[in-house]
């Protein structure tokens, strides 16, 4: 395995230090589970509602990387809990509180409990592009075909 990327983490004052840091649940996991840190109590999400759920953390991402916030598939399948901006991106120069926008797309109320695994984070390399104005683009077989233009199968 290649050298691990180190993500430095601090806890915001007033949050529960007993809530675990992000962690990979299996050796082959691409995403590390991240937990709600709700010292003021659980959050009730009615169907269709969304809320910013605190993790109580701040992170320092090395330059050249980003952290993506993604939904957990079990919460999505069982309860309709998703992240409306998935994947969310945290840039390497952000140092503010780490919150997760959680949405209840299900048909029943859902309680986000203190300490619950609410999302997963994936660390990914970043390549920045140079955007160059040109008079035209090269041709391809697909061309300008949009959504669904490659067929239904």
C-alpha atoms as a PDB file:
ATOM      1  CA  UNK A   1       0.000   0.000   0.000  1.00  0.00           C
ATOM      2  CA  UNK A   2       1.199   3.504  -0.789  1.00  0.00           C
ATOM      3  CA  UNK A   3       1.975   5.948   1.991  1.00  0.00           C
ATOM      4  CA  UNK A   4      -1.213   7.208   3.611  1.00  0.00           C
ATOM      5  CA  UNK A   5      -2.272  10.816   3.153  1.00  0.00           C
ATOM      6  CA  UNK A   6      -2.382  12.453   6.579  1.00  0.00           C
ATOM      7  CA  UNK A   7      -5.496  14.499   7.322  1.00  0.00           C
ATOM      8  CA  UNK A   8      -4.938  16.572  10.444  1.00  0.00           C
ATOM      9  CA  UNK A   9      -8.048  16.834  12.640  1.00  0.00           C
ATOM     10  CA  UNK A  10      -9.082  19.098  15.498  1.00  0.00           C
ATOM     11  CA  UNK A  11     -12.274  19.111  17.569  1.00  0.00           C
ATOM     12  CA  UNK A  12     -14.325  22.234  18.056  1.00  0.00           C
ATOM     13  CA  UNK A  13     -14.873  23.328  21.664  1.00  0.00           C
ATOM     14  CA  UNK A  14     -18.024  22.017  23.287  1.00  0.00           C
ATOM     15  CA  UNK A  15     -18.321  18.871  21.194  1.00  0.00           C
ATOM     16  CA  UNK A  16     -18.236  15.322  22.522  1.00  0.00           C
ATOM     17  CA  UNK A  17     -14.651  14.009  22.441  1.00  0.00           C
ATOM     18  CA  UNK A  18     -15.958  10.445  22.823  1.00  0.00           C
ATOM     19  CA  UNK A  19     -17.368  10.483  19.259  1.00  0.00           C
ATOM     20  CA  UNK A  20     -14.805   8.604  17.147  1.00  0.00           C
ATOM     21  CA  UNK A  21     -12.795  10.285  14.415  1.00  0.00           C
ATOM     22  CA  UNK A  22     -13.521   9.265  10.806  1.00  0.00           C
ATOM     23  CA  UNK A  23     -12.532   5.637  10.326  1.00  0.00           C
ATOM     24  CA  UNK A  24     -12.436   2.966   7.638  1.00  0.00           C
ATOM     25  CA  UNK A  25     -14.696   0.103   8.707  1.00  0.00           C
ATOM     26  CA  UNK A  26     -12.939  -2.533   6.553  1.00  0.00           C
ATOM     27  CA  UNK A  27      -9.457  -2.949   5.091  1.00  0.00           C
ATOM     28  CA  UNK A  28     -10.761  -2.463   1.541  1.00  0.00           C
ATOM     29  CA  UNK A  29     -13.002   0.553   2.237  1.00  0.00           C
ATOM     30  CA  UNK A  30     -12.535   3.604   0.007  1.00  0.00           C
ATOM     31  CA  UNK A  31     -14.560   5.824   2.328  1.00  0.00           C
ATOM     32  CA  UNK A  32     -14.072   6.524   6.015  1.00  0.00           C
ATOM     33  CA  UNK A  33     -17.304   6.813   7.995  1.00  0.00           C
ATOM     34  CA  UNK A  34     -17.907  10.155   9.653  1.00  0.00           C
ATOM     35  CA  UNK A  35     -20.233  10.656  12.616  1.00  0.00           C
ATOM     36  CA  UNK A  36     -22.733  13.204  13.858  1.00  0.00           C
ATOM     37  CA  UNK A  37     -21.580  15.109  16.917  1.00  0.00           C
ATOM     38  CA  UNK A  38     -24.744  16.548  18.442  1.00  0.00           C
ATOM     39  CA  UNK A  39     -24.097  17.593  22.053  1.00  0.00           C
ATOM     40  CA  UNK A  40     -27.414  19.518  22.078  1.00  0.00           C
ATOM     41  CA  UNK A  41     -29.409  16.431  21.129  1.00  0.00           C
ATOM     42  CA  UNK A  42     -30.539  14.332  18.192  1.00  0.00           C
ATOM     43  CA  UNK A  43     -32.008  15.918  15.036  1.00  0.00           C
ATOM     44  CA  UNK A  44     -35.413  14.881  13.670  1.00  0.00           C
ATOM     45  CA  UNK A  45     -35.651  14.976   9.879  1.00  0.00           C
ATOM     46  CA  UNK A  46     -39.175  14.894   8.500  1.00  0.00           C
ATOM     47  CA  UNK A  47     -39.654  13.513   4.948  1.00  0.00           C
ATOM     48  CA  UNK A  48     -38.288  16.051   2.452  1.00  0.00           C
ATOM     49  CA  UNK A  49     -36.382  17.983   5.122  1.00  0.00           C
ATOM     50  CA  UNK A  50     -32.676  18.636   5.198  1.00  0.00           C
ATOM     51  CA  UNK A  51     -30.312  19.809   7.917  1.00  0.00           C
ATOM     52  CA  UNK A  52     -26.662  20.666   8.397  1.00  0.00           C
ATOM     53  CA  UNK A  53     -25.358  18.021  10.781  1.00  0.00           C
ATOM     54  CA  UNK A  54     -22.258  18.885  12.760  1.00  0.00           C
ATOM     55  CA  UNK A  55     -19.324  16.530  13.112  1.00  0.00           C
ATOM     56  CA  UNK A  56     -17.582  18.712  15.696  1.00  0.00           C
ATOM     57  CA  UNK A  57     -14.432  18.501  13.576  1.00  0.00           C
ATOM     58  CA  UNK A  58     -12.183  20.681  11.473  1.00  0.00           C
ATOM     59  CA  UNK A  59      -9.740  19.106   9.063  1.00  0.00           C
ATOM     60  CA  UNK A  60      -6.530  20.091   7.296  1.00  0.00           C
ATOM     61  CA  UNK A  61      -6.244  18.500   3.865  1.00  0.00           C
ATOM     62  CA  UNK A  62      -2.823  18.510   2.209  1.00  0.00           C
ATOM     63  CA  UNK A  63      -2.452  20.669  -0.887  1.00  0.00           C
ATOM     64  CA  UNK A  64      -3.114  18.608  -4.010  1.00  0.00           C
ATOM     65  CA  UNK A  65      -5.985  16.671  -2.384  1.00  0.00           C
ATOM     66  CA  UNK A  66      -9.671  17.126  -1.629  1.00  0.00           C
ATOM     67  CA  UNK A  67     -12.095  15.328   0.654  1.00  0.00           C
ATOM     68  CA  UNK A  68     -15.388  14.213  -0.883  1.00  0.00           C
ATOM     69  CA  UNK A  69     -18.437  13.721   1.330  1.00  0.00           C
ATOM     70  CA  UNK A  70     -20.667  10.896   0.105  1.00  0.00           C
ATOM     71  CA  UNK A  71     -23.863   9.208   1.293  1.00  0.00           C
ATOM     72  CA  UNK A  72     -23.833   5.874   3.096  1.00  0.00           C
ATOM     73  CA  UNK A  73     -25.622   3.289   0.966  1.00  0.00           C
ATOM     74  CA  UNK A  74     -27.324   1.532   3.892  1.00  0.00           C
ATOM     75  CA  UNK A  75     -28.947   4.772   5.096  1.00  0.00           C
ATOM     76  CA  UNK A  76     -30.056   5.566   1.555  1.00  0.00           C
ATOM     77  CA  UNK A  77     -31.597   2.141   0.938  1.00  0.00           C
ATOM     78  CA  UNK A  78     -33.209   1.579   4.340  1.00  0.00           C
ATOM     79  CA  UNK A  79     -34.326   5.113   5.201  1.00  0.00           C
ATOM     80  CA  UNK A  80     -33.963   7.357   2.115  1.00  0.00           C
ATOM     81  CA  UNK A  81     -31.233   9.383   3.843  1.00  0.00           C
ATOM     82  CA  UNK A  82     -28.947  11.037   1.328  1.00  0.00           C
ATOM     83  CA  UNK A  83     -26.743  14.077   0.788  1.00  0.00           C
ATOM     84  CA  UNK A  84     -28.333  16.533  -1.671  1.00  0.00           C
ATOM     85  CA  UNK A  85     -24.992  17.926  -2.855  1.00  0.00           C
ATOM     86  CA  UNK A  86     -23.223  14.558  -3.159  1.00  0.00           C
ATOM     87  CA  UNK A  87     -20.431  14.346  -3.550  1.00  0.00           C
ATOM     88  CA  UNK A  88     -19.661  17.427  -1.543  1.00  0.00           C
ATOM     89  CA  UNK A  89     -16.133  18.736  -1.903  1.00  0.00           C
ATOM     90  CA  UNK A  90     -13.920  20.101   0.844  1.00  0.00           C
ATOM     91  CA  UNK A  91     -10.980  22.026  -0.572  1.00  0.00           C
ATOM     92  CA  UNK A  92      -7.481  21.871   0.877  1.00  0.00           C
ATOM     93  CA  UNK A  93      -7.581  25.528   1.942  1.00  0.00           C
ATOM     94  CA  UNK A  94     -10.818  25.236   3.990  1.00  0.00           C
ATOM     95  CA  UNK A  95     -10.382  25.248   7.774  1.00  0.00           C
ATOM     96  CA  UNK A  96     -13.943  25.803   8.991  1.00  0.00           C
ATOM     97  CA  UNK A  97     -16.311  23.429  10.767  1.00  0.00           C
ATOM     98  CA  UNK A  98     -17.006  20.143   9.002  1.00  0.00           C
ATOM     99  CA  UNK A  99     -20.754  19.796   8.564  1.00  0.00           C
ATOM    100  CA  UNK A 100     -22.758  17.364   6.436  1.00  0.00           C
ATOM    101  CA  UNK A 101     -25.953  18.394   4.634  1.00  0.00           C
ATOM    102  CA  UNK A 102     -28.304  15.454   5.224  1.00  0.00           C
ATOM    103  CA  UNK A 103     -31.684  15.061   3.497  1.00  0.00           C
ATOM    104  CA  UNK A 104     -34.562  12.719   4.223  1.00  0.00           C
ATOM    105  CA  UNK A 105     -35.787  11.542   0.799  1.00  0.00           C
ATOM    106  CA  UNK A 106     -37.737   8.755   2.490  1.00  0.00           C
ATOM    107  CA  UNK A 107     -41.398   8.598   3.448  1.00  0.00           C
ATOM    108  CA  UNK A 108     -41.005   8.458   7.239  1.00  0.00           C
ATOM    109  CA  UNK A 109     -39.370  10.742   9.820  1.00  0.00           C
ATOM    110  CA  UNK A 110     -35.746   9.874  10.608  1.00  0.00           C
ATOM    111  CA  UNK A 111     -33.754  10.729  13.705  1.00  0.00           C
ATOM    112  CA  UNK A 112     -30.072  11.577  13.237  1.00  0.00           C
ATOM    113  CA  UNK A 113     -28.631  10.346  16.499  1.00  0.00           C
ATOM    114  CA  UNK A 114     -25.611  11.697  18.312  1.00  0.00           C
ATOM    115  CA  UNK A 115     -22.575   9.596  17.331  1.00  0.00           C
ATOM    116  CA  UNK A 116     -24.316   7.953  14.337  1.00  0.00           C
ATOM    117  CA  UNK A 117     -22.387   7.305  11.136  1.00  0.00           C
ATOM    118  CA  UNK A 118     -23.998   9.799   8.744  1.00  0.00           C
ATOM    119  CA  UNK A 119     -21.735   9.907   5.685  1.00  0.00           C
ATOM    120  CA  UNK A 120     -18.386   8.781   4.372  1.00  0.00           C
ATOM    121  CA  UNK A 121     -15.353  10.770   3.316  1.00  0.00           C
ATOM    122  CA  UNK A 122     -13.130   9.878   0.400  1.00  0.00           C
ATOM    123  CA  UNK A 123      -9.711  11.481  -0.008  1.00  0.00           C
ATOM    124  CA  UNK A 124      -8.889  12.144  -3.668  1.00  0.00           C
ATOM    125  CA  UNK A 125      -6.079  13.808  -5.614  1.00  0.00           C
ATOM    126  CA  UNK A 126      -6.857  17.086  -7.357  1.00  0.00           C
ATOM    127  CA  UNK A 127      -5.686  18.131 -10.792  1.00  0.00           C
ATOM    128  CA  UNK A 128      -6.297  21.759 -11.672  1.00  0.00           C
ATOM    129  CA  UNK A 129      -6.851  22.530 -15.340  1.00  0.00           C
ATOM    130  CA  UNK A 130      -5.916  25.494 -17.442  1.00  0.00           C
ATOM    131  CA  UNK A 131      -8.936  26.733 -19.405  1.00  0.00           C
ATOM    132  CA  UNK A 132      -8.025  27.957 -22.881  1.00  0.00           C
ATOM    133  CA  UNK A 133     -10.503  29.722 -25.159  1.00  0.00           C
ATOM    134  CA  UNK A 134     -10.440  28.241 -28.655  1.00  0.00           C
ATOM    135  CA  UNK A 135     -12.352  28.781 -31.886  1.00  0.00           C
ATOM    136  CA  UNK A 136     -13.612  25.197 -32.013  1.00  0.00           C
ATOM    137  CA  UNK A 137     -13.469  21.715 -30.515  1.00  0.00           C
ATOM    138  CA  UNK A 138     -12.379  18.408 -32.032  1.00  0.00           C
ATOM    139  CA  UNK A 139     -15.055  16.098 -33.464  1.00  0.00           C
ATOM    140  CA  UNK A 140     -16.123  12.821 -31.795  1.00  0.00           C
ATOM    141  CA  UNK A 141     -18.619  10.084 -32.682  1.00  0.00           C
ATOM    142  CA  UNK A 142     -20.982  11.340 -29.960  1.00  0.00           C
ATOM    143  CA  UNK A 143     -20.620  14.986 -30.866  1.00  0.00           C
ATOM    144  CA  UNK A 144     -23.006  17.320 -29.073  1.00  0.00           C
ATOM    145  CA  UNK A 145     -25.425  14.546 -28.035  1.00  0.00           C
ATOM    146  CA  UNK A 146     -26.736  15.236 -24.555  1.00  0.00           C
ATOM    147  CA  UNK A 147     -28.491  13.274 -21.827  1.00  0.00           C
ATOM    148  CA  UNK A 148     -29.517   9.820 -23.078  1.00  0.00           C
ATOM    149  CA  UNK A 149     -27.933  10.331 -26.481  1.00  0.00           C
ATOM    150  CA  UNK A 150     -25.905   7.090 -26.312  1.00  0.00           C
ATOM    151  CA  UNK A 151     -28.991   4.866 -26.114  1.00  0.00           C
ATOM    152  CA  UNK A 152     -31.218   3.270 -23.497  1.00  0.00           C
ATOM    153  CA  UNK A 153     -29.313   0.009 -22.860  1.00  0.00           C
END
